[in-house]
Amino acid sequence: DRATLFNLLIGLDGYTIATGILNSNLNGDNIVSIPLDIDDPIELVYIQHEKTSLSKMGERFIEYLVEEVQFNN
């Protein structure tokens, strides 16, 4: 989970590649985000069970991603 990952990153001076959002008010100043300078795309996907529906919040989140994330097709 997120807390375990942060503890490992801080304790081991590690790093991870992720698409999450960081907020120093929530996470403190020990974790920083550094954008990758690469040409390779990062794929964002979500998996949904065929017998379930997204909540309104889930639908809005996907809409937000589509609006805000740059797609280079």
PDB file of N, CA and C in Angstrom:
ATOM      1  N   ASP A   1       0.825  -1.176   0.000  1.00  0.00           N
ATOM      2  CA  ASP A   1       0.000   0.000   0.000  1.00  0.00           C
ATOM      3  C   ASP A   1       0.873   1.245   0.000  1.00  0.00           C
ATOM      4  N   ARG A   2       0.243   2.380  -0.121  1.00  0.00           N
ATOM      5  CA  ARG A   2       0.957   3.653  -0.254  1.00  0.00           C
ATOM      6  C   ARG A   2       1.850   3.955   0.956  1.00  0.00           C
ATOM      7  N   ALA A   3       1.340   3.735   2.155  1.00  0.00           N
ATOM      8  CA  ALA A   3       2.122   4.035   3.360  1.00  0.00           C
ATOM      9  C   ALA A   3       3.366   3.156   3.438  1.00  0.00           C
ATOM     10  N   THR A   4       3.227   1.887   3.119  1.00  0.00           N
ATOM     11  CA  THR A   4       4.376   0.979   3.125  1.00  0.00           C
ATOM     12  C   THR A   4       5.401   1.413   2.090  1.00  0.00           C
ATOM     13  N   LEU A   5       4.938   1.767   0.901  1.00  0.00           N
ATOM     14  CA  LEU A   5       5.845   2.237  -0.144  1.00  0.00           C
ATOM     15  C   LEU A   5       6.609   3.467   0.328  1.00  0.00           C
ATOM     16  N   PHE A   6       5.911   4.429   0.909  1.00  0.00           N
ATOM     17  CA  PHE A   6       6.574   5.645   1.372  1.00  0.00           C
ATOM     18  C   PHE A   6       7.594   5.335   2.461  1.00  0.00           C
ATOM     19  N   ASN A   7       7.262   4.446   3.382  1.00  0.00           N
ATOM     20  CA  ASN A   7       8.219   4.069   4.427  1.00  0.00           C
ATOM     21  C   ASN A   7       9.465   3.437   3.830  1.00  0.00           C
ATOM     22  N   LEU A   8       9.303   2.585   2.836  1.00  0.00           N
ATOM     23  CA  LEU A   8      10.455   1.969   2.176  1.00  0.00           C
ATOM     24  C   LEU A   8      11.276   3.009   1.424  1.00  0.00           C
ATOM     25  N   LEU A   9      10.615   3.905   0.710  1.00  0.00           N
ATOM     26  CA  LEU A   9      11.332   4.936  -0.043  1.00  0.00           C
ATOM     27  C   LEU A   9      12.160   5.816   0.884  1.00  0.00           C
ATOM     28  N   ILE A  10      11.566   6.240   1.976  1.00  0.00           N
ATOM     29  CA  ILE A  10      12.274   7.105   2.923  1.00  0.00           C
ATOM     30  C   ILE A  10      13.377   6.329   3.638  1.00  0.00           C
ATOM     31  N   GLY A  11      13.066   5.142   4.132  1.00  0.00           N
ATOM     32  CA  GLY A  11      14.031   4.360   4.899  1.00  0.00           C
ATOM     33  C   GLY A  11      15.210   3.868   4.090  1.00  0.00           C
ATOM     34  N   LEU A  12      14.986   3.571   2.816  1.00  0.00           N
ATOM     35  CA  LEU A  12      16.047   3.012   1.975  1.00  0.00           C
ATOM     36  C   LEU A  12      16.576   4.000   0.940  1.00  0.00           C
ATOM     37  N   ASP A  13      16.121   5.252   1.027  1.00  0.00           N
ATOM     38  CA  ASP A  13      16.511   6.276   0.049  1.00  0.00           C
ATOM     39  C   ASP A  13      16.234   5.767  -1.367  1.00  0.00           C
ATOM     40  N   GLY A  14      15.036   5.238  -1.554  1.00  0.00           N
ATOM     41  CA  GLY A  14      14.679   4.616  -2.821  1.00  0.00           C
ATOM     42  C   GLY A  14      13.880   5.520  -3.730  1.00  0.00           C
ATOM     43  N   TYR A  15      13.418   4.928  -4.810  1.00  0.00           N
ATOM     44  CA  TYR A  15      12.585   5.648  -5.771  1.00  0.00           C
ATOM     45  C   TYR A  15      11.588   4.681  -6.389  1.00  0.00           C
ATOM     46  N   THR A  16      10.595   5.229  -7.015  1.00  0.00           N
ATOM     47  CA  THR A  16       9.612   4.448  -7.753  1.00  0.00           C
ATOM     48  C   THR A  16       9.132   5.276  -8.931  1.00  0.00           C
ATOM     49  N   ILE A  17       8.638   4.613  -9.931  1.00  0.00           N
ATOM     50  CA  ILE A  17       8.006   5.290 -11.061  1.00  0.00           C
ATOM     51  C   ILE A  17       6.512   5.088 -10.897  1.00  0.00           C
ATOM     52  N   ALA A  18       5.777   6.193 -10.819  1.00  0.00           N
ATOM     53  CA  ALA A  18       4.348   6.091 -10.547  1.00  0.00           C
ATOM     54  C   ALA A  18       3.602   7.242 -11.203  1.00  0.00           C
ATOM     55  N   THR A  19       2.305   7.117 -11.218  1.00  0.00           N
ATOM     56  CA  THR A  19       1.456   8.160 -11.784  1.00  0.00           C
ATOM     57  C   THR A  19       0.629   8.849 -10.713  1.00  0.00           C
ATOM     58  N   GLY A  20       0.959   8.636  -9.468  1.00  0.00           N
ATOM     59  CA  GLY A  20       0.170   9.188  -8.373  1.00  0.00           C
ATOM     60  C   GLY A  20       0.371  10.680  -8.187  1.00  0.00           C
ATOM     61  N   ILE A  21      -0.459  11.250  -7.345  1.00  0.00           N
ATOM     62  CA  ILE A  21      -0.399  12.663  -7.016  1.00  0.00           C
ATOM     63  C   ILE A  21       0.208  12.798  -5.627  1.00  0.00           C
ATOM     64  N   LEU A  22       1.175  13.694  -5.507  1.00  0.00           N
ATOM     65  CA  LEU A  22       1.814  13.927  -4.219  1.00  0.00           C
ATOM     66  C   LEU A  22       1.401  15.285  -3.681  1.00  0.00           C
ATOM     67  N   ASN A  23       1.231  15.350  -2.373  1.00  0.00           N
ATOM     68  CA  ASN A  23       0.864  16.585  -1.711  1.00  0.00           C
ATOM     69  C   ASN A  23       1.674  16.664  -0.427  1.00  0.00           C
ATOM     70  N   SER A  24       2.507  17.685  -0.308  1.00  0.00           N
ATOM     71  CA  SER A  24       3.381  17.778   0.869  1.00  0.00           C
ATOM     72  C   SER A  24       2.586  17.960   2.158  1.00  0.00           C
ATOM     73  N   ASN A  25       1.380  18.511   2.081  1.00  0.00           N
ATOM     74  CA  ASN A  25       0.548  18.637   3.285  1.00  0.00           C
ATOM     75  C   ASN A  25       0.140  17.266   3.811  1.00  0.00           C
ATOM     76  N   LEU A  26      -0.028  16.309   2.923  1.00  0.00           N
ATOM     77  CA  LEU A  26      -0.416  14.957   3.326  1.00  0.00           C
ATOM     78  C   LEU A  26       0.784  14.054   3.555  1.00  0.00           C
ATOM     79  N   ASN A  27       1.814  14.203   2.729  1.00  0.00           N
ATOM     80  CA  ASN A  27       2.931  13.260   2.724  1.00  0.00           C
ATOM     81  C   ASN A  27       4.205  13.803   3.353  1.00  0.00           C
ATOM     82  N   GLY A  28       4.248  15.070   3.695  1.00  0.00           N
ATOM     83  CA  GLY A  28       5.470  15.666   4.208  1.00  0.00           C
ATOM     84  C   GLY A  28       6.422  16.003   3.069  1.00  0.00           C
ATOM     85  N   ASP A  29       7.601  16.451   3.424  1.00  0.00           N
ATOM     86  CA  ASP A  29       8.580  16.875   2.423  1.00  0.00           C
ATOM     87  C   ASP A  29       9.630  15.809   2.122  1.00  0.00           C
ATOM     88  N   ASN A  30       9.477  14.605   2.676  1.00  0.00           N
ATOM     89  CA  ASN A  30      10.461  13.544   2.450  1.00  0.00           C
ATOM     90  C   ASN A  30      10.280  12.848   1.111  1.00  0.00           C
ATOM     91  N   ILE A  31       9.117  12.975   0.516  1.00  0.00           N
ATOM     92  CA  ILE A  31       8.834  12.366  -0.783  1.00  0.00           C
ATOM     93  C   ILE A  31       8.650  13.491  -1.786  1.00  0.00           C
ATOM     94  N   VAL A  32       9.423  13.467  -2.871  1.00  0.00           N
ATOM     95  CA  VAL A  32       9.301  14.496  -3.907  1.00  0.00           C
ATOM     96  C   VAL A  32       9.034  13.836  -5.249  1.00  0.00           C
ATOM     97  N   SER A  33       8.409  14.587  -6.113  1.00  0.00           N
ATOM     98  CA  SER A  33       8.102  14.109  -7.455  1.00  0.00           C
ATOM     99  C   SER A  33       9.059  14.769  -8.441  1.00  0.00           C
ATOM    100  N   ILE A  34       9.715  13.952  -9.258  1.00  0.00           N
ATOM    101  CA  ILE A  34      10.618  14.444 -10.296  1.00  0.00           C
ATOM    102  C   ILE A  34      10.126  13.878 -11.623  1.00  0.00           C
ATOM    103  N   PRO A  35       9.705  14.741 -12.552  1.00  0.00           N
ATOM    104  CA  PRO A  35       9.205  14.234 -13.839  1.00  0.00           C
ATOM    105  C   PRO A  35      10.287  13.456 -14.589  1.00  0.00           C
ATOM    106  N   LEU A  36       9.872  12.396 -15.254  1.00  0.00           N
ATOM    107  CA  LEU A  36      10.796  11.616 -16.069  1.00  0.00           C
ATOM    108  C   LEU A  36      11.084  12.354 -17.370  1.00  0.00           C
ATOM    109  N   ASP A  37      12.326  12.344 -17.789  1.00  0.00           N
ATOM    110  CA  ASP A  37      12.717  12.941 -19.063  1.00  0.00           C
ATOM    111  C   ASP A  37      12.984  11.803 -20.041  1.00  0.00           C
ATOM    112  N   ILE A  38      11.903  11.204 -20.528  1.00  0.00           N
ATOM    113  CA  ILE A  38      12.015  10.055 -21.428  1.00  0.00           C
ATOM    114  C   ILE A  38      11.080  10.236 -22.613  1.00  0.00           C
ATOM    115  N   ASP A  39      11.386   9.530 -23.684  1.00  0.00           N
ATOM    116  CA  ASP A  39      10.527   9.557 -24.862  1.00  0.00           C
ATOM    117  C   ASP A  39       9.508   8.427 -24.865  1.00  0.00           C
ATOM    118  N   ASP A  40       9.724   7.417 -24.037  1.00  0.00           N
ATOM    119  CA  ASP A  40       8.808   6.276 -24.000  1.00  0.00           C
ATOM    120  C   ASP A  40       7.508   6.660 -23.301  1.00  0.00           C
ATOM    121  N   PRO A  41       6.383   6.235 -23.857  1.00  0.00           N
ATOM    122  CA  PRO A  41       5.105   6.562 -23.206  1.00  0.00           C
ATOM    123  C   PRO A  41       4.873   5.705 -21.965  1.00  0.00           C
ATOM    124  N   ILE A  42       4.105   6.237 -21.047  1.00  0.00           N
ATOM    125  CA  ILE A  42       3.641   5.487 -19.886  1.00  0.00           C
ATOM    126  C   ILE A  42       2.164   5.227 -20.108  1.00  0.00           C
ATOM    127  N   GLU A  43       1.769   3.972 -20.042  1.00  0.00           N
ATOM    128  CA  GLU A  43       0.376   3.621 -20.286  1.00  0.00           C
ATOM    129  C   GLU A  43      -0.405   3.605 -18.982  1.00  0.00           C
ATOM    130  N   LEU A  44      -1.540   4.282 -18.986  1.00  0.00           N
ATOM    131  CA  LEU A  44      -2.461   4.252 -17.854  1.00  0.00           C
ATOM    132  C   LEU A  44      -3.651   3.403 -18.252  1.00  0.00           C
ATOM    133  N   VAL A  45      -3.948   2.417 -17.446  1.00  0.00           N
ATOM    134  CA  VAL A  45      -5.085   1.535 -17.727  1.00  0.00           C
ATOM    135  C   VAL A  45      -5.867   1.321 -16.440  1.00  0.00           C
ATOM    136  N   TYR A  46      -7.114   0.955 -16.591  1.00  0.00           N
ATOM    137  CA  TYR A  46      -7.862   0.505 -15.425  1.00  0.00           C
ATOM    138  C   TYR A  46      -8.621  -0.751 -15.805  1.00  0.00           C
ATOM    139  N   ILE A  47      -8.815  -1.599 -14.838  1.00  0.00           N
ATOM    140  CA  ILE A  47      -9.505  -2.870 -15.039  1.00  0.00           C
ATOM    141  C   ILE A  47     -10.806  -2.805 -14.260  1.00  0.00           C
ATOM    142  N   GLN A  48     -11.874  -3.193 -14.927  1.00  0.00           N
ATOM    143  CA  GLN A  48     -13.185  -3.162 -14.296  1.00  0.00           C
ATOM    144  C   GLN A  48     -13.876  -4.492 -14.539  1.00  0.00           C
ATOM    145  N   HIS A  49     -14.437  -5.057 -13.502  1.00  0.00           N
ATOM    146  CA  HIS A  49     -15.187  -6.301 -13.630  1.00  0.00           C
ATOM    147  C   HIS A  49     -16.387  -6.052 -14.529  1.00  0.00           C
ATOM    148  N   GLU A  50     -16.667  -6.999 -15.406  1.00  0.00           N
ATOM    149  CA  GLU A  50     -17.745  -6.812 -16.386  1.00  0.00           C
ATOM    150  C   GLU A  50     -19.131  -6.681 -15.760  1.00  0.00           C
ATOM    151  N   LYS A  51     -19.287  -7.116 -14.527  1.00  0.00           N
ATOM    152  CA  LYS A  51     -20.601  -7.053 -13.878  1.00  0.00           C
ATOM    153  C   LYS A  51     -20.732  -5.872 -12.910  1.00  0.00           C
ATOM    154  N   THR A  52     -19.791  -4.954 -12.966  1.00  0.00           N
ATOM    155  CA  THR A  52     -19.858  -3.791 -12.084  1.00  0.00           C
ATOM    156  C   THR A  52     -19.857  -2.511 -12.902  1.00  0.00           C
ATOM    157  N   SER A  53     -20.233  -1.438 -12.255  1.00  0.00           N
ATOM    158  CA  SER A  53     -20.211  -0.114 -12.879  1.00  0.00           C
ATOM    159  C   SER A  53     -19.342   0.801 -12.029  1.00  0.00           C
ATOM    160  N   LEU A  54     -18.751   1.783 -12.678  1.00  0.00           N
ATOM    161  CA  LEU A  54     -17.993   2.776 -11.930  1.00  0.00           C
ATOM    162  C   LEU A  54     -18.952   3.657 -11.142  1.00  0.00           C
ATOM    163  N   SER A  55     -18.506   4.103  -9.995  1.00  0.00           N
ATOM    164  CA  SER A  55     -19.276   5.083  -9.236  1.00  0.00           C
ATOM    165  C   SER A  55     -19.236   6.412  -9.989  1.00  0.00           C
ATOM    166  N   LYS A  56     -20.049   7.346  -9.581  1.00  0.00           N
ATOM    167  CA  LYS A  56     -20.027   8.688 -10.191  1.00  0.00           C
ATOM    168  C   LYS A  56     -18.643   9.313 -10.033  1.00  0.00           C
ATOM    169  N   MET A  57     -18.031   9.103  -8.868  1.00  0.00           N
ATOM    170  CA  MET A  57     -16.695   9.641  -8.650  1.00  0.00           C
ATOM    171  C   MET A  57     -15.685   8.957  -9.569  1.00  0.00           C
ATOM    172  N   GLY A  58     -15.814   7.652  -9.744  1.00  0.00           N
ATOM    173  CA  GLY A  58     -14.937   6.922 -10.652  1.00  0.00           C
ATOM    174  C   GLY A  58     -15.090   7.396 -12.082  1.00  0.00           C
ATOM    175  N   GLU A  59     -16.332   7.608 -12.505  1.00  0.00           N
ATOM    176  CA  GLU A  59     -16.588   8.119 -13.855  1.00  0.00           C
ATOM    177  C   GLU A  59     -15.961   9.491 -14.039  1.00  0.00           C
ATOM    178  N   ARG A  60     -16.092  10.355 -13.035  1.00  0.00           N
ATOM    179  CA  ARG A  60     -15.519  11.702 -13.123  1.00  0.00           C
ATOM    180  C   ARG A  60     -13.996  11.639 -13.166  1.00  0.00           C
ATOM    181  N   PHE A  61     -13.413  10.719 -12.422  1.00  0.00           N
ATOM    182  CA  PHE A  61     -11.961  10.568 -12.430  1.00  0.00           C
ATOM    183  C   PHE A  61     -11.465  10.187 -13.823  1.00  0.00           C
ATOM    184  N   ILE A  62     -12.141   9.236 -14.461  1.00  0.00           N
ATOM    185  CA  ILE A  62     -11.756   8.832 -15.819  1.00  0.00           C
ATOM    186  C   ILE A  62     -11.938  10.000 -16.783  1.00  0.00           C
ATOM    187  N   GLU A  63     -13.033  10.738 -16.648  1.00  0.00           N
ATOM    188  CA  GLU A  63     -13.246  11.919 -17.492  1.00  0.00           C
ATOM    189  C   GLU A  63     -12.115  12.926 -17.295  1.00  0.00           C
ATOM    190  N   TYR A  64     -11.721  13.128 -16.054  1.00  0.00           N
ATOM    191  CA  TYR A  64     -10.634  14.055 -15.747  1.00  0.00           C
ATOM    192  C   TYR A  64      -9.334  13.601 -16.410  1.00  0.00           C
ATOM    193  N   LEU A  65      -9.030  12.322 -16.316  1.00  0.00           N
ATOM    194  CA  LEU A  65      -7.812  11.818 -16.951  1.00  0.00           C
ATOM    195  C   LEU A  65      -7.827  12.070 -18.448  1.00  0.00           C
ATOM    196  N   VAL A  66      -8.947  11.774 -19.077  1.00  0.00           N
ATOM    197  CA  VAL A  66      -9.053  11.962 -20.527  1.00  0.00           C
ATOM    198  C   VAL A  66      -8.880  13.443 -20.882  1.00  0.00           C
ATOM    199  N   GLU A  67      -9.425  14.334 -20.046  1.00  0.00           N
ATOM    200  CA  GLU A  67      -9.305  15.771 -20.295  1.00  0.00           C
ATOM    201  C   GLU A  67      -7.887  16.284 -20.059  1.00  0.00           C
ATOM    202  N   GLU A  68      -7.227  15.793 -19.040  1.00  0.00           N
ATOM    203  CA  GLU A  68      -5.974  16.381 -18.580  1.00  0.00           C
ATOM    204  C   GLU A  68      -4.706  15.692 -19.068  1.00  0.00           C
ATOM    205  N   VAL A  69      -4.785  14.421 -19.377  1.00  0.00           N
ATOM    206  CA  VAL A  69      -3.586  13.687 -19.780  1.00  0.00           C
ATOM    207  C   VAL A  69      -3.371  13.876 -21.274  1.00  0.00           C
ATOM    208  N   GLN A  70      -2.133  14.144 -21.630  1.00  0.00           N
ATOM    209  CA  GLN A  70      -1.797  14.348 -23.032  1.00  0.00           C
ATOM    210  C   GLN A  70      -1.635  13.002 -23.712  1.00  0.00           C
ATOM    211  N   PHE A  71      -2.352  12.827 -24.816  1.00  0.00           N
ATOM    212  CA  PHE A  71      -2.255  11.598 -25.592  1.00  0.00           C
ATOM    213  C   PHE A  71      -1.520  11.897 -26.888  1.00  0.00           C
ATOM    214  N   ASN A  72      -0.466  11.166 -27.147  1.00  0.00           N
ATOM    215  CA  ASN A  72       0.311  11.335 -28.379  1.00  0.00           C
ATOM    216  C   ASN A  72       0.051  10.157 -29.293  1.00  0.00           C
ATOM    217  N   ASN A  73      -1.050  10.187 -29.999  1.00  0.00           N
ATOM    218  CA  ASN A  73      -1.383   9.079 -30.909  1.00  0.00           C
ATOM    219  C   ASN A  73      -0.796   9.312 -32.273  1.00  0.00           C
TER     220      ASN A  73
END
